[in-house]
Amino acid sequence: MKQDYQFKLALSPAHIKAYFRLRQEIFCQEQGIFSTSDRDEYDSIAYPIVAINHDNKVVGVVRIYETQPGLWYGGRLGVHRDYRRGWRIGKGLINKAVTTANAWGCERFLATVQLPNVRFFQRLHWNSIDEISICEQTHHLMEADLDFYPPTNQTRPSLLVQLQRLLVS
């Protein structure tokens, strides 16, 4: 049976808590990149995006944030270990992230990608700009081809929604 997923901004308290919990499971417990928390200064300006299964469970995460007008980054892309069959969820999260940022005035979209995932991103119309080291692991700084990711009609949440989100996290 084909599993259907929703890819959307995490705006509810339950989805935001699940978003941070899954990030912690993937990047701290599973991969050991961070010891106890993967949160950083970008979380205060980031928009969390989640993949939700038919049981309303958050099974994938990514964040997007703008560091200067038109320059957007994606990061902390991860899929729950029980849902990694195929690339469907990762591809959906990447698509949602870039098309959303594109709708909000993105002129350039970058991400740091772990070495084992570089080829996957290249197949999705991303180009490697540079090889870099993060937390003693090889990553590639990559850029999305925005022509492949047309803007959605996703409206940008207000500042009030962002502040409420921060209170929950």
N, C-alpha and C. Protein backbone atom coordinates (compact mmCIF):
# COMPACT_ATOMS: atom_id res chain seq x y z
N MET A 1 0.84 -1.19 0.00
CA MET A 1 0.00 0.00 0.00
C MET A 1 0.88 1.25 0.00
N LYS A 2 0.55 2.20 -0.84
CA LYS A 2 1.30 3.44 -0.95
C LYS A 2 0.96 4.35 0.23
N GLN A 3 1.97 4.84 0.91
CA GLN A 3 1.80 5.73 2.06
C GLN A 3 1.71 7.16 1.56
N ASP A 4 0.70 7.90 2.03
CA ASP A 4 0.57 9.31 1.69
C ASP A 4 1.10 10.15 2.83
N TYR A 5 1.77 11.24 2.47
CA TYR A 5 2.35 12.14 3.46
C TYR A 5 1.93 13.56 3.15
N GLN A 6 1.83 14.36 4.20
CA GLN A 6 1.62 15.79 4.06
C GLN A 6 2.94 16.47 4.40
N PHE A 7 3.27 17.48 3.64
CA PHE A 7 4.47 18.27 3.89
C PHE A 7 4.01 19.69 4.16
N LYS A 8 4.26 20.17 5.39
CA LYS A 8 3.73 21.49 5.74
C LYS A 8 4.55 22.15 6.83
N LEU A 9 4.34 23.47 6.96
CA LEU A 9 4.96 24.20 8.06
C LEU A 9 4.44 23.65 9.37
N ALA A 10 5.32 23.49 10.33
CA ALA A 10 4.92 23.03 11.66
C ALA A 10 4.47 24.26 12.45
N LEU A 11 3.17 24.41 12.60
CA LEU A 11 2.64 25.58 13.30
C LEU A 11 1.93 25.21 14.60
N SER A 12 1.49 23.98 14.75
CA SER A 12 0.80 23.58 15.98
C SER A 12 1.83 23.21 17.05
N PRO A 13 1.49 23.41 18.31
CA PRO A 13 2.42 23.02 19.39
C PRO A 13 2.83 21.55 19.31
N ALA A 14 1.90 20.67 18.98
CA ALA A 14 2.22 19.24 18.92
C ALA A 14 3.23 18.95 17.81
N HIS A 15 3.04 19.55 16.64
CA HIS A 15 3.96 19.32 15.53
C HIS A 15 5.33 19.94 15.80
N ILE A 16 5.36 21.08 16.46
CA ILE A 16 6.64 21.72 16.78
C ILE A 16 7.43 20.87 17.78
N LYS A 17 6.76 20.36 18.79
CA LYS A 17 7.43 19.49 19.76
C LYS A 17 7.94 18.22 19.08
N ALA A 18 7.14 17.64 18.22
CA ALA A 18 7.55 16.42 17.50
C ALA A 18 8.72 16.72 16.55
N TYR A 19 8.70 17.88 15.95
CA TYR A 19 9.78 18.32 15.05
C TYR A 19 11.12 18.33 15.80
N PHE A 20 11.16 19.00 16.96
CA PHE A 20 12.40 19.06 17.73
C PHE A 20 12.78 17.70 18.30
N ARG A 21 11.81 16.90 18.68
CA ARG A 21 12.09 15.57 19.22
C ARG A 21 12.73 14.69 18.15
N LEU A 22 12.19 14.72 16.92
CA LEU A 22 12.75 13.90 15.85
C LEU A 22 14.16 14.38 15.48
N ARG A 23 14.37 15.67 15.44
CA ARG A 23 15.72 16.18 15.18
C ARG A 23 16.70 15.66 16.21
N GLN A 24 16.30 15.68 17.48
CA GLN A 24 17.16 15.22 18.56
C GLN A 24 17.47 13.73 18.40
N GLU A 25 16.45 12.95 18.04
CA GLU A 25 16.65 11.51 17.82
C GLU A 25 17.66 11.25 16.70
N ILE A 26 17.51 11.97 15.60
CA ILE A 26 18.35 11.73 14.42
C ILE A 26 19.77 12.24 14.62
N PHE A 27 19.91 13.51 14.99
CA PHE A 27 21.24 14.14 14.98
C PHE A 27 22.03 13.93 16.27
N CYS A 28 21.36 13.62 17.38
CA CYS A 28 22.07 13.38 18.64
C CYS A 28 22.17 11.89 18.95
N GLN A 29 21.03 11.24 19.07
CA GLN A 29 21.03 9.83 19.48
C GLN A 29 21.54 8.90 18.39
N GLU A 30 21.02 9.07 17.17
CA GLU A 30 21.36 8.13 16.10
C GLU A 30 22.73 8.42 15.47
N GLN A 31 22.91 9.66 15.01
CA GLN A 31 24.14 10.00 14.29
C GLN A 31 25.27 10.46 15.22
N GLY A 32 24.93 10.92 16.41
CA GLY A 32 25.95 11.38 17.35
C GLY A 32 26.70 12.62 16.92
N ILE A 33 26.13 13.41 16.03
CA ILE A 33 26.78 14.64 15.58
C ILE A 33 26.84 15.65 16.73
N PHE A 34 25.76 15.71 17.49
CA PHE A 34 25.69 16.60 18.65
C PHE A 34 25.47 15.74 19.89
N SER A 35 25.93 16.22 21.03
CA SER A 35 25.85 15.38 22.23
C SER A 35 24.44 15.32 22.82
N THR A 36 23.83 16.45 23.11
CA THR A 36 22.51 16.42 23.74
C THR A 36 21.45 17.21 22.98
N SER A 37 21.87 18.19 22.18
CA SER A 37 20.90 19.01 21.45
C SER A 37 21.52 19.50 20.15
N ASP A 38 20.71 19.53 19.10
CA ASP A 38 21.17 20.04 17.81
C ASP A 38 20.69 21.47 17.58
N ARG A 39 20.04 22.04 18.57
CA ARG A 39 19.52 23.41 18.41
C ARG A 39 20.67 24.41 18.34
N ASP A 40 20.44 25.47 17.55
CA ASP A 40 21.44 26.52 17.41
C ASP A 40 20.75 27.86 17.22
N GLU A 41 21.55 28.89 16.96
CA GLU A 41 21.00 30.25 16.83
C GLU A 41 20.03 30.40 15.67
N TYR A 42 20.12 29.55 14.66
CA TYR A 42 19.23 29.67 13.50
C TYR A 42 17.80 29.21 13.82
N ASP A 43 17.63 28.42 14.86
CA ASP A 43 16.28 27.99 15.22
C ASP A 43 15.37 29.16 15.59
N SER A 44 15.96 30.26 16.05
CA SER A 44 15.14 31.41 16.43
C SER A 44 14.56 32.15 15.23
N ILE A 45 15.13 31.91 14.04
CA ILE A 45 14.60 32.56 12.83
C ILE A 45 14.09 31.56 11.80
N ALA A 46 14.21 30.28 12.12
CA ALA A 46 13.85 29.24 11.15
C ALA A 46 12.36 28.93 11.15
N TYR A 47 11.90 28.46 10.01
CA TYR A 47 10.55 27.95 9.86
C TYR A 47 10.65 26.43 9.79
N PRO A 48 10.08 25.71 10.75
CA PRO A 48 10.15 24.25 10.72
C PRO A 48 9.12 23.68 9.75
N ILE A 49 9.54 22.68 9.00
CA ILE A 49 8.67 21.99 8.06
C ILE A 49 8.68 20.51 8.44
N VAL A 50 7.52 19.89 8.38
CA VAL A 50 7.41 18.49 8.77
C VAL A 50 6.73 17.66 7.69
N ALA A 51 7.06 16.37 7.69
CA ALA A 51 6.34 15.37 6.91
C ALA A 51 5.48 14.61 7.91
N ILE A 52 4.21 14.50 7.60
CA ILE A 52 3.26 13.87 8.52
C ILE A 52 2.61 12.69 7.81
N ASN A 53 2.57 11.54 8.50
CA ASN A 53 1.95 10.36 7.89
C ASN A 53 0.45 10.35 8.14
N HIS A 54 -0.22 9.29 7.71
CA HIS A 54 -1.68 9.20 7.80
C HIS A 54 -2.17 9.13 9.25
N ASP A 55 -1.29 8.80 10.21
CA ASP A 55 -1.65 8.75 11.63
C ASP A 55 -1.33 10.06 12.34
N ASN A 56 -1.01 11.10 11.59
CA ASN A 56 -0.65 12.42 12.11
C ASN A 56 0.67 12.38 12.90
N LYS A 57 1.54 11.45 12.55
CA LYS A 57 2.85 11.34 13.19
C LYS A 57 3.88 12.09 12.34
N VAL A 58 4.72 12.89 12.99
CA VAL A 58 5.81 13.57 12.29
C VAL A 58 6.89 12.54 11.98
N VAL A 59 7.14 12.32 10.69
CA VAL A 59 8.11 11.30 10.27
C VAL A 59 9.30 11.89 9.52
N GLY A 60 9.29 13.20 9.30
CA GLY A 60 10.40 13.87 8.64
C GLY A 60 10.42 15.34 9.00
N VAL A 61 11.63 15.93 8.94
CA VAL A 61 11.80 17.32 9.35
C VAL A 61 12.81 18.03 8.45
N VAL A 62 12.66 19.33 8.36
CA VAL A 62 13.65 20.22 7.75
C VAL A 62 13.31 21.63 8.22
N ARG A 63 14.28 22.51 8.18
CA ARG A 63 14.03 23.91 8.52
C ARG A 63 14.54 24.79 7.41
N ILE A 64 13.92 25.97 7.28
CA ILE A 64 14.39 26.97 6.33
C ILE A 64 14.51 28.30 7.07
N TYR A 65 15.48 29.09 6.65
CA TYR A 65 15.65 30.41 7.26
C TYR A 65 16.37 31.34 6.30
N GLU A 66 16.10 32.62 6.48
CA GLU A 66 16.66 33.66 5.62
C GLU A 66 17.72 34.42 6.43
N THR A 67 18.96 34.46 5.93
CA THR A 67 20.03 35.14 6.65
C THR A 67 20.22 36.59 6.20
N GLN A 68 19.80 36.87 5.00
CA GLN A 68 19.76 38.23 4.46
C GLN A 68 18.73 38.23 3.36
N PRO A 69 18.22 39.39 2.97
CA PRO A 69 17.13 39.40 1.98
C PRO A 69 17.48 38.58 0.73
N GLY A 70 16.63 37.59 0.47
CA GLY A 70 16.78 36.75 -0.71
C GLY A 70 17.68 35.54 -0.55
N LEU A 71 18.48 35.47 0.53
CA LEU A 71 19.39 34.35 0.74
C LEU A 71 18.81 33.42 1.81
N TRP A 72 18.41 32.24 1.37
CA TRP A 72 17.77 31.25 2.24
C TRP A 72 18.64 30.02 2.39
N TYR A 73 18.49 29.39 3.54
CA TYR A 73 19.18 28.14 3.83
C TYR A 73 18.17 27.09 4.27
N GLY A 74 18.48 25.86 3.94
CA GLY A 74 17.75 24.72 4.47
C GLY A 74 18.70 23.92 5.33
N GLY A 75 18.14 23.24 6.33
CA GLY A 75 19.01 22.46 7.19
C GLY A 75 18.24 21.51 8.08
N ARG A 76 19.00 20.66 8.75
CA ARG A 76 18.46 19.67 9.68
C ARG A 76 17.40 18.80 9.02
N LEU A 77 17.68 18.42 7.77
CA LEU A 77 16.80 17.50 7.05
C LEU A 77 16.98 16.11 7.61
N GLY A 78 15.90 15.49 8.02
CA GLY A 78 15.98 14.15 8.55
C GLY A 78 14.67 13.41 8.44
N VAL A 79 14.76 12.09 8.32
CA VAL A 79 13.58 11.23 8.24
C VAL A 79 13.69 10.16 9.32
N HIS A 80 12.59 9.91 9.99
CA HIS A 80 12.56 8.87 11.03
C HIS A 80 13.06 7.56 10.43
N ARG A 81 13.86 6.84 11.20
CA ARG A 81 14.51 5.61 10.68
C ARG A 81 13.51 4.58 10.15
N ASP A 82 12.30 4.53 10.67
CA ASP A 82 11.30 3.56 10.20
C ASP A 82 10.66 3.95 8.88
N TYR A 83 10.96 5.15 8.37
CA TYR A 83 10.32 5.64 7.15
C TYR A 83 11.33 5.97 6.05
N ARG A 84 12.51 5.42 6.11
CA ARG A 84 13.56 5.74 5.15
C ARG A 84 13.56 4.87 3.90
N ARG A 85 12.58 4.04 3.72
CA ARG A 85 12.53 3.22 2.51
C ARG A 85 12.25 4.14 1.31
N GLY A 86 13.18 4.13 0.38
CA GLY A 86 13.05 5.04 -0.75
C GLY A 86 13.42 6.45 -0.32
N TRP A 87 13.23 7.37 -1.21
CA TRP A 87 13.62 8.76 -0.96
C TRP A 87 12.42 9.69 -0.95
N ARG A 88 11.22 9.13 -0.90
CA ARG A 88 10.01 9.93 -1.08
C ARG A 88 9.85 11.05 -0.06
N ILE A 89 10.10 10.75 1.22
CA ILE A 89 9.90 11.77 2.25
C ILE A 89 10.97 12.85 2.15
N GLY A 90 12.22 12.44 1.98
CA GLY A 90 13.29 13.43 1.84
C GLY A 90 13.05 14.34 0.65
N LYS A 91 12.66 13.75 -0.46
CA LYS A 91 12.39 14.54 -1.67
C LYS A 91 11.23 15.50 -1.44
N GLY A 92 10.18 15.04 -0.76
CA GLY A 92 9.03 15.90 -0.47
C GLY A 92 9.39 17.05 0.45
N LEU A 93 10.21 16.78 1.45
CA LEU A 93 10.65 17.85 2.37
C LEU A 93 11.50 18.89 1.65
N ILE A 94 12.41 18.42 0.80
CA ILE A 94 13.25 19.35 0.04
C ILE A 94 12.39 20.21 -0.87
N ASN A 95 11.45 19.58 -1.56
CA ASN A 95 10.56 20.32 -2.45
C ASN A 95 9.77 21.38 -1.67
N LYS A 96 9.19 20.98 -0.56
CA LYS A 96 8.40 21.93 0.26
C LYS A 96 9.28 23.07 0.76
N ALA A 97 10.49 22.76 1.19
CA ALA A 97 11.40 23.79 1.72
C ALA A 97 11.74 24.82 0.64
N VAL A 98 12.18 24.35 -0.52
CA VAL A 98 12.65 25.28 -1.54
C VAL A 98 11.49 26.03 -2.20
N THR A 99 10.39 25.36 -2.49
CA THR A 99 9.26 26.06 -3.12
C THR A 99 8.64 27.08 -2.16
N THR A 100 8.67 26.79 -0.86
CA THR A 100 8.16 27.75 0.12
C THR A 100 9.06 28.98 0.19
N ALA A 101 10.36 28.77 0.32
CA ALA A 101 11.29 29.90 0.34
C ALA A 101 11.20 30.70 -0.96
N ASN A 102 11.03 30.00 -2.08
CA ASN A 102 10.90 30.67 -3.37
C ASN A 102 9.67 31.57 -3.39
N ALA A 103 8.61 31.15 -2.75
CA ALA A 103 7.39 31.97 -2.67
C ALA A 103 7.60 33.21 -1.79
N TRP A 104 8.55 33.13 -0.89
CA TRP A 104 8.80 34.22 0.06
C TRP A 104 9.96 35.13 -0.36
N GLY A 105 10.34 35.07 -1.62
CA GLY A 105 11.35 35.98 -2.14
C GLY A 105 12.76 35.44 -2.22
N CYS A 106 12.89 34.14 -2.22
CA CYS A 106 14.21 33.52 -2.30
C CYS A 106 14.86 33.81 -3.65
N GLU A 107 16.10 34.26 -3.60
CA GLU A 107 16.89 34.46 -4.81
C GLU A 107 18.00 33.42 -4.90
N ARG A 108 18.34 32.87 -3.74
CA ARG A 108 19.38 31.83 -3.68
C ARG A 108 19.07 30.94 -2.49
N PHE A 109 19.11 29.61 -2.69
CA PHE A 109 18.81 28.65 -1.63
C PHE A 109 19.98 27.70 -1.47
N LEU A 110 20.57 27.69 -0.27
CA LEU A 110 21.75 26.88 0.02
C LEU A 110 21.46 25.89 1.14
N ALA A 111 22.26 24.85 1.20
CA ALA A 111 22.18 23.88 2.29
C ALA A 111 23.54 23.21 2.43
N THR A 112 23.85 22.81 3.66
CA THR A 112 25.02 21.97 3.88
C THR A 112 24.51 20.54 3.94
N VAL A 113 25.08 19.70 3.11
CA VAL A 113 24.58 18.34 2.90
C VAL A 113 25.66 17.33 3.30
N GLN A 114 25.27 16.35 4.11
CA GLN A 114 26.21 15.30 4.50
C GLN A 114 26.67 14.54 3.25
N LEU A 115 27.91 14.15 3.25
CA LEU A 115 28.53 13.51 2.09
C LEU A 115 27.70 12.36 1.49
N PRO A 116 27.15 11.44 2.29
CA PRO A 116 26.39 10.34 1.68
C PRO A 116 25.12 10.79 0.93
N ASN A 117 24.68 12.03 1.14
CA ASN A 117 23.45 12.50 0.50
C ASN A 117 23.68 13.44 -0.68
N VAL A 118 24.93 13.72 -1.00
CA VAL A 118 25.23 14.67 -2.07
C VAL A 118 24.65 14.22 -3.41
N ARG A 119 24.82 12.97 -3.77
CA ARG A 119 24.31 12.47 -5.06
C ARG A 119 22.79 12.58 -5.14
N PHE A 120 22.11 12.29 -4.04
CA PHE A 120 20.65 12.43 -3.99
C PHE A 120 20.25 13.87 -4.31
N PHE A 121 20.92 14.84 -3.69
CA PHE A 121 20.61 16.24 -3.94
C PHE A 121 20.92 16.62 -5.39
N GLN A 122 22.01 16.10 -5.93
CA GLN A 122 22.34 16.40 -7.32
C GLN A 122 21.25 15.92 -8.27
N ARG A 123 20.67 14.76 -7.97
CA ARG A 123 19.56 14.25 -8.80
C ARG A 123 18.32 15.15 -8.69
N LEU A 124 18.25 15.94 -7.63
CA LEU A 124 17.10 16.84 -7.42
C LEU A 124 17.43 18.28 -7.85
N HIS A 125 18.42 18.43 -8.71
CA HIS A 125 18.77 19.72 -9.30
C HIS A 125 19.45 20.66 -8.31
N TRP A 126 20.41 20.11 -7.59
CA TRP A 126 21.27 20.89 -6.70
C TRP A 126 22.70 20.77 -7.21
N ASN A 127 23.49 21.82 -7.01
CA ASN A 127 24.89 21.83 -7.40
C ASN A 127 25.78 21.99 -6.18
N SER A 128 26.87 21.24 -6.15
CA SER A 128 27.84 21.38 -5.07
C SER A 128 28.71 22.60 -5.35
N ILE A 129 28.82 23.45 -4.34
CA ILE A 129 29.64 24.66 -4.45
C ILE A 129 31.00 24.45 -3.82
N ASP A 130 31.02 23.73 -2.69
CA ASP A 130 32.26 23.56 -1.95
C ASP A 130 32.15 22.37 -1.01
N GLU A 131 33.27 21.71 -0.76
CA GLU A 131 33.32 20.66 0.25
C GLU A 131 33.81 21.30 1.55
N ILE A 132 33.07 21.06 2.64
CA ILE A 132 33.40 21.69 3.92
C ILE A 132 33.32 20.64 5.04
N SER A 133 33.88 20.98 6.19
CA SER A 133 33.83 20.10 7.34
C SER A 133 32.95 20.74 8.42
N ILE A 134 31.98 19.99 8.91
CA ILE A 134 31.12 20.45 9.99
C ILE A 134 31.10 19.34 11.04
N CYS A 135 31.40 19.71 12.28
CA CYS A 135 31.47 18.73 13.37
C CYS A 135 32.35 17.54 12.98
N GLU A 136 33.45 17.84 12.32
CA GLU A 136 34.44 16.84 11.91
C GLU A 136 33.89 15.83 10.91
N GLN A 137 32.85 16.21 10.19
CA GLN A 137 32.28 15.35 9.15
C GLN A 137 32.24 16.12 7.83
N THR A 138 32.50 15.41 6.74
CA THR A 138 32.50 16.03 5.42
C THR A 138 31.07 16.33 4.98
N HIS A 139 30.87 17.56 4.56
CA HIS A 139 29.60 18.03 4.00
C HIS A 139 29.92 18.75 2.69
N HIS A 140 28.88 19.00 1.92
CA HIS A 140 29.01 19.85 0.75
C HIS A 140 28.05 21.03 0.93
N LEU A 141 28.55 22.22 0.64
CA LEU A 141 27.67 23.38 0.54
C LEU A 141 27.05 23.28 -0.85
N MET A 142 25.72 23.21 -0.89
CA MET A 142 25.04 23.00 -2.15
C MET A 142 24.00 24.08 -2.40
N GLU A 143 23.70 24.29 -3.68
CA GLU A 143 22.73 25.31 -4.08
C GLU A 143 21.65 24.69 -4.96
N ALA A 144 20.41 25.03 -4.65
CA ALA A 144 19.28 24.53 -5.44
C ALA A 144 19.12 25.34 -6.72
N ASP A 145 18.74 24.66 -7.78
CA ASP A 145 18.36 25.32 -9.03
C ASP A 145 16.91 25.78 -8.86
N LEU A 146 16.71 27.06 -8.60
CA LEU A 146 15.38 27.58 -8.29
C LEU A 146 14.40 27.44 -9.45
N ASP A 147 14.90 27.33 -10.67
CA ASP A 147 14.00 27.13 -11.82
C ASP A 147 13.27 25.80 -11.72
N PHE A 148 13.85 24.84 -11.00
CA PHE A 148 13.23 23.53 -10.83
C PHE A 148 12.20 23.52 -9.68
N TYR A 149 12.17 24.58 -8.88
CA TYR A 149 11.31 24.65 -7.69
C TYR A 149 10.42 25.90 -7.76
N PRO A 150 9.33 25.85 -8.52
CA PRO A 150 8.48 27.04 -8.66
C PRO A 150 7.84 27.42 -7.32
N PRO A 151 7.63 28.72 -7.10
CA PRO A 151 7.04 29.16 -5.83
C PRO A 151 5.64 28.58 -5.61
N THR A 152 5.35 28.29 -4.36
CA THR A 152 4.01 27.83 -3.99
C THR A 152 3.16 29.05 -3.64
N ASN A 153 1.95 28.80 -3.20
CA ASN A 153 1.10 29.89 -2.71
C ASN A 153 1.13 29.96 -1.18
N GLN A 154 2.15 29.33 -0.57
CA GLN A 154 2.30 29.31 0.89
C GLN A 154 2.56 30.72 1.41
N THR A 155 1.68 31.21 2.28
CA THR A 155 1.90 32.53 2.86
C THR A 155 2.88 32.43 4.02
N ARG A 156 3.63 33.48 4.21
CA ARG A 156 4.63 33.51 5.28
C ARG A 156 3.93 33.84 6.59
N PRO A 157 4.15 33.03 7.63
CA PRO A 157 3.50 33.30 8.91
C PRO A 157 3.91 34.66 9.47
N SER A 158 3.01 35.25 10.21
CA SER A 158 3.27 36.56 10.79
C SER A 158 4.30 36.45 11.90
N LEU A 159 4.80 37.59 12.33
CA LEU A 159 5.74 37.64 13.43
C LEU A 159 5.13 37.05 14.69
N LEU A 160 3.84 37.29 14.91
CA LEU A 160 3.16 36.75 16.09
C LEU A 160 3.21 35.22 16.10
N VAL A 161 2.97 34.61 14.95
CA VAL A 161 3.02 33.14 14.85
C VAL A 161 4.44 32.66 15.15
N GLN A 162 5.45 33.37 14.65
CA GLN A 162 6.83 33.00 14.92
C GLN A 162 7.12 33.08 16.43
N LEU A 163 6.67 34.12 17.07
CA LEU A 163 6.91 34.27 18.51
C LEU A 163 6.21 33.16 19.29
N GLN A 164 5.00 32.82 18.91
CA GLN A 164 4.28 31.73 19.57
C GLN A 164 5.01 30.41 19.38
N ARG A 165 5.56 30.19 18.20
CA ARG A 165 6.30 28.97 17.91
C ARG A 165 7.51 28.86 18.83
N LEU A 166 8.20 29.97 19.03
CA LEU A 166 9.38 29.96 19.89
C LEU A 166 9.03 29.65 21.33
N LEU A 167 7.86 30.09 21.77
CA LEU A 167 7.45 29.80 23.15
C LEU A 167 7.19 28.31 23.36
N VAL A 168 6.71 27.65 22.33
CA VAL A 168 6.42 26.23 22.42
C VAL A 168 7.69 25.42 22.44
N SER A 169 8.66 25.82 21.62
CA SER A 169 9.90 25.04 21.50
C SER A 169 10.77 25.28 22.70
